[in-house]
Amino acid sequence: MKSLLLLSILAALAVAALCYESHESMESYEISPFINRRHANTFMSLQQRLRAKTQERIRERTKPAYEFSREACDDHRLCERYATIYGYNAAYNRYFRQLRGGK
């Protein structure tokens, strides 16, 4: 009987410790995760958005050749399966090099 009482007290303490909601855990309920459409673009200024678009265009132009072949292969299911076994370079050569006028 004494061990049962001790076990129930320990269980009650464990439940109280694990189920306690501190002030920090309530902070996430104060802010709604959804944003009004009108205020959705206020996170970034116009200058930051233009800079991001410019950087994206530069990255697209200076993309390496293997990235173009990987993107072409990702859109083709057979090529993607072949690439998982033999690599993207071999898969691109097998499925697309003949179409683009290569050997």
PDB file of N, CA and C in Angstrom:
ATOM      1  N   MET A   1       0.817  -1.185   0.000  1.00  0.00           N
ATOM      2  CA  MET A   1       0.000   0.000   0.000  1.00  0.00           C
ATOM      3  C   MET A   1       0.871   1.262   0.000  1.00  0.00           C
ATOM      4  N   LYS A   2       1.960   1.177   0.736  1.00  0.00           N
ATOM      5  CA  LYS A   2       2.868   2.312   0.801  1.00  0.00           C
ATOM      6  C   LYS A   2       3.515   2.578  -0.565  1.00  0.00           C
ATOM      7  N   SER A   3       3.877   1.532  -1.282  1.00  0.00           N
ATOM      8  CA  SER A   3       4.494   1.694  -2.600  1.00  0.00           C
ATOM      9  C   SER A   3       3.482   2.222  -3.621  1.00  0.00           C
ATOM     10  N   LEU A   4       2.230   1.831  -3.492  1.00  0.00           N
ATOM     11  CA  LEU A   4       1.188   2.325  -4.391  1.00  0.00           C
ATOM     12  C   LEU A   4       0.983   3.823  -4.196  1.00  0.00           C
ATOM     13  N   LEU A   5       0.986   4.270  -2.952  1.00  0.00           N
ATOM     14  CA  LEU A   5       0.847   5.691  -2.658  1.00  0.00           C
ATOM     15  C   LEU A   5       2.042   6.472  -3.202  1.00  0.00           C
ATOM     16  N   LEU A   6       3.228   5.946  -3.017  1.00  0.00           N
ATOM     17  CA  LEU A   6       4.438   6.595  -3.519  1.00  0.00           C
ATOM     18  C   LEU A   6       4.430   6.655  -5.052  1.00  0.00           C
ATOM     19  N   LEU A   7       3.998   5.576  -5.679  1.00  0.00           N
ATOM     20  CA  LEU A   7       3.928   5.535  -7.132  1.00  0.00           C
ATOM     21  C   LEU A   7       2.906   6.532  -7.669  1.00  0.00           C
ATOM     22  N   SER A   8       1.767   6.653  -7.030  1.00  0.00           N
ATOM     23  CA  SER A   8       0.742   7.598  -7.484  1.00  0.00           C
ATOM     24  C   SER A   8       1.211   9.044  -7.300  1.00  0.00           C
ATOM     25  N   ILE A   9       1.940   9.333  -6.232  1.00  0.00           N
ATOM     26  CA  ILE A   9       2.474  10.683  -6.038  1.00  0.00           C
ATOM     27  C   ILE A   9       3.509  11.010  -7.106  1.00  0.00           C
ATOM     28  N   LEU A  10       4.391  10.061  -7.402  1.00  0.00           N
ATOM     29  CA  LEU A  10       5.376  10.269  -8.459  1.00  0.00           C
ATOM     30  C   LEU A  10       4.717  10.456  -9.822  1.00  0.00           C
ATOM     31  N   ALA A  11       3.667   9.699 -10.086  1.00  0.00           N
ATOM     32  CA  ALA A  11       2.943   9.823 -11.353  1.00  0.00           C
ATOM     33  C   ALA A  11       2.279  11.191 -11.450  1.00  0.00           C
ATOM     34  N   ALA A  12       1.697  11.662 -10.347  1.00  0.00           N
ATOM     35  CA  ALA A  12       1.055  12.979 -10.339  1.00  0.00           C
ATOM     36  C   ALA A  12       2.088  14.080 -10.569  1.00  0.00           C
ATOM     37  N   LEU A  13       3.248  13.961  -9.957  1.00  0.00           N
ATOM     38  CA  LEU A  13       4.307  14.949 -10.162  1.00  0.00           C
ATOM     39  C   LEU A  13       4.804  14.935 -11.612  1.00  0.00           C
ATOM     40  N   ALA A  14       4.925  13.755 -12.191  1.00  0.00           N
ATOM     41  CA  ALA A  14       5.372  13.642 -13.585  1.00  0.00           C
ATOM     42  C   ALA A  14       4.350  14.281 -14.518  1.00  0.00           C
ATOM     43  N   VAL A  15       3.079  14.044 -14.294  1.00  0.00           N
ATOM     44  CA  VAL A  15       2.026  14.632 -15.125  1.00  0.00           C
ATOM     45  C   VAL A  15       2.036  16.146 -14.986  1.00  0.00           C
ATOM     46  N   ALA A  16       2.193  16.638 -13.771  1.00  0.00           N
ATOM     47  CA  ALA A  16       2.211  18.081 -13.544  1.00  0.00           C
ATOM     48  C   ALA A  16       3.421  18.721 -14.225  1.00  0.00           C
ATOM     49  N   ALA A  17       4.556  18.060 -14.182  1.00  0.00           N
ATOM     50  CA  ALA A  17       5.764  18.617 -14.792  1.00  0.00           C
ATOM     51  C   ALA A  17       5.677  18.598 -16.312  1.00  0.00           C
ATOM     52  N   LEU A  18       5.117  17.547 -16.884  1.00  0.00           N
ATOM     53  CA  LEU A  18       5.063  17.431 -18.336  1.00  0.00           C
ATOM     54  C   LEU A  18       3.939  18.248 -18.960  1.00  0.00           C
ATOM     55  N   CYS A  19       2.873  18.478 -18.238  1.00  0.00           N
ATOM     56  CA  CYS A  19       1.717  19.187 -18.784  1.00  0.00           C
ATOM     57  C   CYS A  19       1.708  20.674 -18.446  1.00  0.00           C
ATOM     58  N   TYR A  20       2.693  21.173 -17.768  1.00  0.00           N
ATOM     59  CA  TYR A  20       2.748  22.575 -17.391  1.00  0.00           C
ATOM     60  C   TYR A  20       2.963  23.434 -18.623  1.00  0.00           C
ATOM     61  N   GLU A  21       2.123  24.452 -18.796  1.00  0.00           N
ATOM     62  CA  GLU A  21       2.268  25.377 -19.915  1.00  0.00           C
ATOM     63  C   GLU A  21       2.843  26.675 -19.382  1.00  0.00           C
ATOM     64  N   SER A  22       4.030  26.971 -19.791  1.00  0.00           N
ATOM     65  CA  SER A  22       4.677  28.191 -19.335  1.00  0.00           C
ATOM     66  C   SER A  22       4.222  29.372 -20.170  1.00  0.00           C
ATOM     67  N   HIS A  23       4.629  30.553 -19.774  1.00  0.00           N
ATOM     68  CA  HIS A  23       4.281  31.766 -20.503  1.00  0.00           C
ATOM     69  C   HIS A  23       4.888  31.753 -21.905  1.00  0.00           C
ATOM     70  N   GLU A  24       6.073  31.159 -22.055  1.00  0.00           N
ATOM     71  CA  GLU A  24       6.721  31.119 -23.356  1.00  0.00           C
ATOM     72  C   GLU A  24       5.940  30.296 -24.364  1.00  0.00           C
ATOM     73  N   SER A  25       5.283  29.240 -23.890  1.00  0.00           N
ATOM     74  CA  SER A  25       4.541  28.413 -24.836  1.00  0.00           C
ATOM     75  C   SER A  25       3.261  29.088 -25.292  1.00  0.00           C
ATOM     76  N   MET A  26       2.782  30.074 -24.554  1.00  0.00           N
ATOM     77  CA  MET A  26       1.561  30.774 -24.942  1.00  0.00           C
ATOM     78  C   MET A  26       1.842  31.906 -25.933  1.00  0.00           C
ATOM     79  N   GLU A  27       3.102  32.284 -26.113  1.00  0.00           N
ATOM     80  CA  GLU A  27       3.422  33.374 -27.016  1.00  0.00           C
ATOM     81  C   GLU A  27       3.074  33.046 -28.461  1.00  0.00           C
ATOM     82  N   SER A  28       3.158  31.798 -28.829  1.00  0.00           N
ATOM     83  CA  SER A  28       2.861  31.434 -30.207  1.00  0.00           C
ATOM     84  C   SER A  28       1.380  31.582 -30.531  1.00  0.00           C
ATOM     85  N   TYR A  29       0.514  31.582 -29.520  1.00  0.00           N
ATOM     86  CA  TYR A  29      -0.914  31.725 -29.779  1.00  0.00           C
ATOM     87  C   TYR A  29      -1.308  33.180 -29.990  1.00  0.00           C
ATOM     88  N   GLU A  30      -0.435  34.107 -29.647  1.00  0.00           N
ATOM     89  CA  GLU A  30      -0.770  35.512 -29.765  1.00  0.00           C
ATOM     90  C   GLU A  30      -0.766  35.988 -31.210  1.00  0.00           C
ATOM     91  N   ILE A  31       0.063  35.406 -32.045  1.00  0.00           N
ATOM     92  CA  ILE A  31       0.200  35.829 -33.430  1.00  0.00           C
ATOM     93  C   ILE A  31      -0.496  34.818 -34.338  1.00  0.00           C
ATOM     94  N   SER A  32      -1.313  35.328 -35.218  1.00  0.00           N
ATOM     95  CA  SER A  32      -1.996  34.450 -36.167  1.00  0.00           C
ATOM     96  C   SER A  32      -1.012  34.033 -37.260  1.00  0.00           C
ATOM     97  N   PRO A  33      -1.011  32.777 -37.664  1.00  0.00           N
ATOM     98  CA  PRO A  33      -0.086  32.351 -38.717  1.00  0.00           C
ATOM     99  C   PRO A  33      -0.498  32.838 -40.103  1.00  0.00           C
ATOM    100  N   PHE A  34      -1.723  33.327 -40.229  1.00  0.00           N
ATOM    101  CA  PHE A  34      -2.209  33.772 -41.526  1.00  0.00           C
ATOM    102  C   PHE A  34      -2.105  35.287 -41.626  1.00  0.00           C
ATOM    103  N   ILE A  35      -1.742  35.764 -42.802  1.00  0.00           N
ATOM    104  CA  ILE A  35      -1.537  37.185 -43.028  1.00  0.00           C
ATOM    105  C   ILE A  35      -2.560  37.669 -44.038  1.00  0.00           C
ATOM    106  N   ASN A  36      -3.030  38.854 -43.810  1.00  0.00           N
ATOM    107  CA  ASN A  36      -3.954  39.483 -44.736  1.00  0.00           C
ATOM    108  C   ASN A  36      -3.265  39.671 -46.083  1.00  0.00           C
ATOM    109  N   ARG A  37      -3.981  39.525 -47.165  1.00  0.00           N
ATOM    110  CA  ARG A  37      -3.400  39.653 -48.499  1.00  0.00           C
ATOM    111  C   ARG A  37      -2.792  41.029 -48.735  1.00  0.00           C
ATOM    112  N   ARG A  38      -3.402  42.037 -48.191  1.00  0.00           N
ATOM    113  CA  ARG A  38      -2.896  43.394 -48.391  1.00  0.00           C
ATOM    114  C   ARG A  38      -1.558  43.615 -47.701  1.00  0.00           C
ATOM    115  N   HIS A  39      -1.308  42.881 -46.620  1.00  0.00           N
ATOM    116  CA  HIS A  39      -0.078  43.057 -45.862  1.00  0.00           C
ATOM    117  C   HIS A  39       0.963  41.974 -46.151  1.00  0.00           C
ATOM    118  N   ALA A  40       0.697  41.131 -47.115  1.00  0.00           N
ATOM    119  CA  ALA A  40       1.606  40.016 -47.387  1.00  0.00           C
ATOM    120  C   ALA A  40       2.953  40.479 -47.940  1.00  0.00           C
ATOM    121  N   ASN A  41       2.972  41.559 -48.679  1.00  0.00           N
ATOM    122  CA  ASN A  41       4.217  42.037 -49.285  1.00  0.00           C
ATOM    123  C   ASN A  41       4.955  43.052 -48.432  1.00  0.00           C
ATOM    124  N   THR A  42       4.524  43.274 -47.220  1.00  0.00           N
ATOM    125  CA  THR A  42       5.175  44.278 -46.383  1.00  0.00           C
ATOM    126  C   THR A  42       6.439  43.745 -45.720  1.00  0.00           C
ATOM    127  N   PHE A  43       6.704  42.466 -45.806  1.00  0.00           N
ATOM    128  CA  PHE A  43       7.901  41.913 -45.185  1.00  0.00           C
ATOM    129  C   PHE A  43       9.168  42.386 -45.884  1.00  0.00           C
ATOM    130  N   MET A  44       9.087  42.506 -47.191  1.00  0.00           N
ATOM    131  CA  MET A  44      10.253  42.932 -47.966  1.00  0.00           C
ATOM    132  C   MET A  44       9.931  44.259 -48.636  1.00  0.00           C
ATOM    133  N   SER A  45      10.878  45.163 -48.604  1.00  0.00           N
ATOM    134  CA  SER A  45      10.676  46.440 -49.281  1.00  0.00           C
ATOM    135  C   SER A  45      10.781  46.233 -50.789  1.00  0.00           C
ATOM    136  N   LEU A  46      10.379  47.232 -51.529  1.00  0.00           N
ATOM    137  CA  LEU A  46      10.435  47.143 -52.985  1.00  0.00           C
ATOM    138  C   LEU A  46      11.863  46.966 -53.462  1.00  0.00           C
ATOM    139  N   GLN A  47      12.795  47.662 -52.828  1.00  0.00           N
ATOM    140  CA  GLN A  47      14.202  47.555 -53.218  1.00  0.00           C
ATOM    141  C   GLN A  47      14.742  46.143 -52.982  1.00  0.00           C
ATOM    142  N   GLN A  48      14.360  45.516 -51.880  1.00  0.00           N
ATOM    143  CA  GLN A  48      14.809  44.151 -51.601  1.00  0.00           C
ATOM    144  C   GLN A  48      14.225  43.174 -52.617  1.00  0.00           C
ATOM    145  N   ARG A  49      12.963  43.378 -52.981  1.00  0.00           N
ATOM    146  CA  ARG A  49      12.350  42.488 -53.964  1.00  0.00           C
ATOM    147  C   ARG A  49      13.013  42.618 -55.324  1.00  0.00           C
ATOM    148  N   LEU A  50      13.326  43.847 -55.729  1.00  0.00           N
ATOM    149  CA  LEU A  50      13.995  44.048 -57.017  1.00  0.00           C
ATOM    150  C   LEU A  50      15.396  43.442 -57.003  1.00  0.00           C
ATOM    151  N   ARG A  51      16.102  43.585 -55.884  1.00  0.00           N
ATOM    152  CA  ARG A  51      17.442  42.994 -55.766  1.00  0.00           C
ATOM    153  C   ARG A  51      17.365  41.465 -55.840  1.00  0.00           C
ATOM    154  N   ALA A  52      16.349  40.884 -55.202  1.00  0.00           N
ATOM    155  CA  ALA A  52      16.199  39.426 -55.237  1.00  0.00           C
ATOM    156  C   ALA A  52      15.891  38.943 -56.650  1.00  0.00           C
ATOM    157  N   LYS A  53      15.047  39.663 -57.373  1.00  0.00           N
ATOM    158  CA  LYS A  53      14.739  39.274 -58.751  1.00  0.00           C
ATOM    159  C   LYS A  53      15.978  39.374 -59.642  1.00  0.00           C
ATOM    160  N   THR A  54      16.758  40.420 -59.436  1.00  0.00           N
ATOM    161  CA  THR A  54      17.978  40.588 -60.223  1.00  0.00           C
ATOM    162  C   THR A  54      18.970  39.467 -59.958  1.00  0.00           C
ATOM    163  N   GLN A  55      19.129  39.119 -58.704  1.00  0.00           N
ATOM    164  CA  GLN A  55      20.047  38.031 -58.364  1.00  0.00           C
ATOM    165  C   GLN A  55      19.576  36.700 -58.932  1.00  0.00           C
ATOM    166  N   GLU A  56      18.272  36.481 -58.945  1.00  0.00           N
ATOM    167  CA  GLU A  56      17.739  35.244 -59.516  1.00  0.00           C
ATOM    168  C   GLU A  56      18.009  35.175 -61.019  1.00  0.00           C
ATOM    169  N   ARG A  57      17.852  36.295 -61.707  1.00  0.00           N
ATOM    170  CA  ARG A  57      18.139  36.327 -63.150  1.00  0.00           C
ATOM    171  C   ARG A  57      19.610  36.055 -63.430  1.00  0.00           C
ATOM    172  N   ILE A  58      20.491  36.615 -62.597  1.00  0.00           N
ATOM    173  CA  ILE A  58      21.922  36.380 -62.767  1.00  0.00           C
ATOM    174  C   ILE A  58      22.252  34.913 -62.547  1.00  0.00           C
ATOM    175  N   ARG A  59      21.643  34.305 -61.522  1.00  0.00           N
ATOM    176  CA  ARG A  59      21.886  32.881 -61.256  1.00  0.00           C
ATOM    177  C   ARG A  59      21.403  32.004 -62.400  1.00  0.00           C
ATOM    178  N   GLU A  60      20.272  32.380 -63.017  1.00  0.00           N
ATOM    179  CA  GLU A  60      19.764  31.600 -64.151  1.00  0.00           C
ATOM    180  C   GLU A  60      20.713  31.682 -65.349  1.00  0.00           C
ATOM    181  N   ARG A  61      21.287  32.862 -65.589  1.00  0.00           N
ATOM    182  CA  ARG A  61      22.188  33.020 -66.727  1.00  0.00           C
ATOM    183  C   ARG A  61      23.527  32.342 -66.518  1.00  0.00           C
ATOM    184  N   THR A  62      24.003  32.312 -65.295  1.00  0.00           N
ATOM    185  CA  THR A  62      25.326  31.752 -65.019  1.00  0.00           C
ATOM    186  C   THR A  62      25.251  30.324 -64.484  1.00  0.00           C
ATOM    187  N   LYS A  63      24.176  29.667 -64.763  1.00  0.00           N
ATOM    188  CA  LYS A  63      23.998  28.300 -64.295  1.00  0.00           C
ATOM    189  C   LYS A  63      24.948  27.364 -65.051  1.00  0.00           C
ATOM    190  N   PRO A  64      25.596  26.438 -64.358  1.00  0.00           N
ATOM    191  CA  PRO A  64      26.514  25.528 -65.045  1.00  0.00           C
ATOM    192  C   PRO A  64      25.767  24.539 -65.942  1.00  0.00           C
ATOM    193  N   ALA A  65      26.503  23.951 -66.862  1.00  0.00           N
ATOM    194  CA  ALA A  65      25.909  23.045 -67.863  1.00  0.00           C
ATOM    195  C   ALA A  65      25.303  21.814 -67.206  1.00  0.00           C
ATOM    196  N   TYR A  66      25.939  21.298 -66.151  1.00  0.00           N
ATOM    197  CA  TYR A  66      25.388  20.096 -65.521  1.00  0.00           C
ATOM    198  C   TYR A  66      24.045  20.375 -64.864  1.00  0.00           C
ATOM    199  N   GLU A  67      23.819  21.619 -64.450  1.00  0.00           N
ATOM    200  CA  GLU A  67      22.530  21.963 -63.853  1.00  0.00           C
ATOM    201  C   GLU A  67      21.419  21.955 -64.903  1.00  0.00           C
ATOM    202  N   PHE A  68      21.719  22.437 -66.109  1.00  0.00           N
ATOM    203  CA  PHE A  68      20.731  22.372 -67.190  1.00  0.00           C
ATOM    204  C   PHE A  68      20.391  20.920 -67.539  1.00  0.00           C
ATOM    205  N   SER A  69      21.414  20.079 -67.593  1.00  0.00           N
ATOM    206  CA  SER A  69      21.149  18.675 -67.919  1.00  0.00           C
ATOM    207  C   SER A  69      20.382  17.994 -66.798  1.00  0.00           C
ATOM    208  N   ARG A  70      20.662  18.350 -65.562  1.00  0.00           N
ATOM    209  CA  ARG A  70      19.929  17.763 -64.439  1.00  0.00           C
ATOM    210  C   ARG A  70      18.465  18.183 -64.466  1.00  0.00           C
ATOM    211  N   GLU A  71      18.191  19.447 -64.763  1.00  0.00           N
ATOM    212  CA  GLU A  71      16.809  19.913 -64.834  1.00  0.00           C
ATOM    213  C   GLU A  71      16.049  19.237 -65.967  1.00  0.00           C
ATOM    214  N   ALA A  72      16.705  19.056 -67.094  1.00  0.00           N
ATOM    215  CA  ALA A  72      16.049  18.379 -68.217  1.00  0.00           C
ATOM    216  C   ALA A  72      15.752  16.932 -67.861  1.00  0.00           C
ATOM    217  N   CYS A  73      16.666  16.308 -67.143  1.00  0.00           N
ATOM    218  CA  CYS A  73      16.494  14.909 -66.778  1.00  0.00           C
ATOM    219  C   CYS A  73      15.440  14.740 -65.685  1.00  0.00           C
ATOM    220  N   ASP A  74      15.312  15.726 -64.798  1.00  0.00           N
ATOM    221  CA  ASP A  74      14.324  15.632 -63.724  1.00  0.00           C
ATOM    222  C   ASP A  74      12.895  15.644 -64.244  1.00  0.00           C
ATOM    223  N   ASP A  75      12.670  16.257 -65.389  1.00  0.00           N
ATOM    224  CA  ASP A  75      11.327  16.323 -65.950  1.00  0.00           C
ATOM    225  C   ASP A  75      10.936  15.046 -66.690  1.00  0.00           C
ATOM    226  N   HIS A  76      11.867  14.167 -66.934  1.00  0.00           N
ATOM    227  CA  HIS A  76      11.625  12.938 -67.690  1.00  0.00           C
ATOM    228  C   HIS A  76      11.796  11.748 -66.744  1.00  0.00           C
ATOM    229  N   ARG A  77      10.740  10.987 -66.535  1.00  0.00           N
ATOM    230  CA  ARG A  77      10.756   9.935 -65.520  1.00  0.00           C
ATOM    231  C   ARG A  77      11.783   8.832 -65.796  1.00  0.00           C
ATOM    232  N   LEU A  78      11.886   8.385 -67.033  1.00  0.00           N
ATOM    233  CA  LEU A  78      12.845   7.329 -67.359  1.00  0.00           C
ATOM    234  C   LEU A  78      14.280   7.810 -67.167  1.00  0.00           C
ATOM    235  N   CYS A  79      14.509   9.051 -67.556  1.00  0.00           N
ATOM    236  CA  CYS A  79      15.839   9.622 -67.388  1.00  0.00           C
ATOM    237  C   CYS A  79      16.184   9.753 -65.904  1.00  0.00           C
ATOM    238  N   GLU A  80      15.214  10.113 -65.107  1.00  0.00           N
ATOM    239  CA  GLU A  80      15.453  10.253 -63.672  1.00  0.00           C
ATOM    240  C   GLU A  80      15.773   8.900 -63.025  1.00  0.00           C
ATOM    241  N   ARG A  81      15.068   7.870 -63.439  1.00  0.00           N
ATOM    242  CA  ARG A  81      15.364   6.523 -62.917  1.00  0.00           C
ATOM    243  C   ARG A  81      16.758   6.063 -63.333  1.00  0.00           C
ATOM    244  N   TYR A  82      17.089   6.312 -64.583  1.00  0.00           N
ATOM    245  CA  TYR A  82      18.418   5.937 -65.082  1.00  0.00           C
ATOM    246  C   TYR A  82      19.509   6.707 -64.333  1.00  0.00           C
ATOM    247  N   ALA A  83      19.205   7.966 -63.994  1.00  0.00           N
ATOM    248  CA  ALA A  83      20.178   8.806 -63.291  1.00  0.00           C
ATOM    249  C   ALA A  83      20.431   8.322 -61.871  1.00  0.00           C
ATOM    250  N   THR A  84      19.441   7.729 -61.232  1.00  0.00           N
ATOM    251  CA  THR A  84      19.664   7.233 -59.877  1.00  0.00           C
ATOM    252  C   THR A  84      20.640   6.068 -59.867  1.00  0.00           C
ATOM    253  N   ILE A  85      20.725   5.362 -60.983  1.00  0.00           N
ATOM    254  CA  ILE A  85      21.627   4.213 -61.060  1.00  0.00           C
ATOM    255  C   ILE A  85      22.985   4.610 -61.618  1.00  0.00           C
ATOM    256  N   TYR A  86      22.989   5.339 -62.752  1.00  0.00           N
ATOM    257  CA  TYR A  86      24.232   5.610 -63.470  1.00  0.00           C
ATOM    258  C   TYR A  86      24.723   7.056 -63.368  1.00  0.00           C
ATOM    259  N   GLY A  87      23.921   7.952 -62.816  1.00  0.00           N
ATOM    260  CA  GLY A  87      24.317   9.353 -62.701  1.00  0.00           C
ATOM    261  C   GLY A  87      23.632  10.217 -63.747  1.00  0.00           C
ATOM    262  N   TYR A  88      23.551  11.500 -63.450  1.00  0.00           N
ATOM    263  CA  TYR A  88      22.836  12.414 -64.335  1.00  0.00           C
ATOM    264  C   TYR A  88      23.542  12.617 -65.671  1.00  0.00           C
ATOM    265  N   ASN A  89      24.836  12.616 -65.658  1.00  0.00           N
ATOM    266  CA  ASN A  89      25.563  12.826 -66.913  1.00  0.00           C
ATOM    267  C   ASN A  89      25.290  11.693 -67.897  1.00  0.00           C
ATOM    268  N   ALA A  90      25.349  10.460 -67.422  1.00  0.00           N
ATOM    269  CA  ALA A  90      25.086   9.317 -68.302  1.00  0.00           C
ATOM    270  C   ALA A  90      23.628   9.288 -68.741  1.00  0.00           C
ATOM    271  N   ALA A  91      22.727   9.637 -67.842  1.00  0.00           N
ATOM    272  CA  ALA A  91      21.311   9.637 -68.193  1.00  0.00           C
ATOM    273  C   ALA A  91      21.001  10.718 -69.219  1.00  0.00           C
ATOM    274  N   TYR A  92      21.580  11.885 -69.039  1.00  0.00           N
ATOM    275  CA  TYR A  92      21.358  12.959 -70.008  1.00  0.00           C
ATOM    276  C   TYR A  92      21.907  12.574 -71.374  1.00  0.00           C
ATOM    277  N   ASN A  93      23.084  11.971 -71.391  1.00  0.00           N
ATOM    278  CA  ASN A  93      23.660  11.541 -72.665  1.00  0.00           C
ATOM    279  C   ASN A  93      22.796  10.486 -73.335  1.00  0.00           C
ATOM    280  N   ARG A  94      22.209   9.604 -72.566  1.00  0.00           N
ATOM    281  CA  ARG A  94      21.394   8.541 -73.143  1.00  0.00           C
ATOM    282  C   ARG A  94      20.076   9.064 -73.711  1.00  0.00           C
ATOM    283  N   TYR A  95      19.404   9.953 -72.995  1.00  0.00           N
ATOM    284  CA  TYR A  95      18.060  10.355 -73.396  1.00  0.00           C
ATOM    285  C   TYR A  95      17.986  11.664 -74.187  1.00  0.00           C
ATOM    286  N   PHE A  96      18.921  12.573 -74.004  1.00  0.00           N
ATOM    287  CA  PHE A  96      18.779  13.886 -74.616  1.00  0.00           C
ATOM    288  C   PHE A  96      19.899  14.277 -75.561  1.00  0.00           C
ATOM    289  N   ARG A  97      21.056  13.684 -75.459  1.00  0.00           N
ATOM    290  CA  ARG A  97      22.180  14.097 -76.300  1.00  0.00           C
ATOM    291  C   ARG A  97      21.864  13.828 -77.775  1.00  0.00           C
ATOM    292  N   GLN A  98      21.196  12.716 -78.077  1.00  0.00           N
ATOM    293  CA  GLN A  98      20.858  12.395 -79.461  1.00  0.00           C
ATOM    294  C   GLN A  98      19.848  13.381 -80.026  1.00  0.00           C
ATOM    295  N   LEU A  99      18.943  13.898 -79.170  1.00  0.00           N
ATOM    296  CA  LEU A  99      17.938  14.844 -79.641  1.00  0.00           C
ATOM    297  C   LEU A  99      18.534  16.212 -79.930  1.00  0.00           C
ATOM    298  N   ARG A 100      19.605  16.558 -79.254  1.00  0.00           N
ATOM    299  CA  ARG A 100      20.204  17.877 -79.392  1.00  0.00           C
ATOM    300  C   ARG A 100      21.330  17.909 -80.414  1.00  0.00           C
ATOM    301  N   GLY A 101      21.514  16.838 -81.162  1.00  0.00           N
ATOM    302  CA  GLY A 101      22.503  16.831 -82.238  1.00  0.00           C
ATOM    303  C   GLY A 101      23.866  16.350 -81.824  1.00  0.00           C
ATOM    304  N   GLY A 102      23.997  15.741 -80.662  1.00  0.00           N
ATOM    305  CA  GLY A 102      25.275  15.210 -80.233  1.00  0.00           C
ATOM    306  C   GLY A 102      25.491  13.814 -80.765  1.00  0.00           C
ATOM    307  N   LYS A 103      26.606  13.204 -80.380  1.00  0.00           N
ATOM    308  CA  LYS A 103      26.921  11.844 -80.843  1.00  0.00           C
ATOM    309  C   LYS A 103      26.033  10.831 -80.205  1.00  0.00           C
TER     310      LYS A 103
END
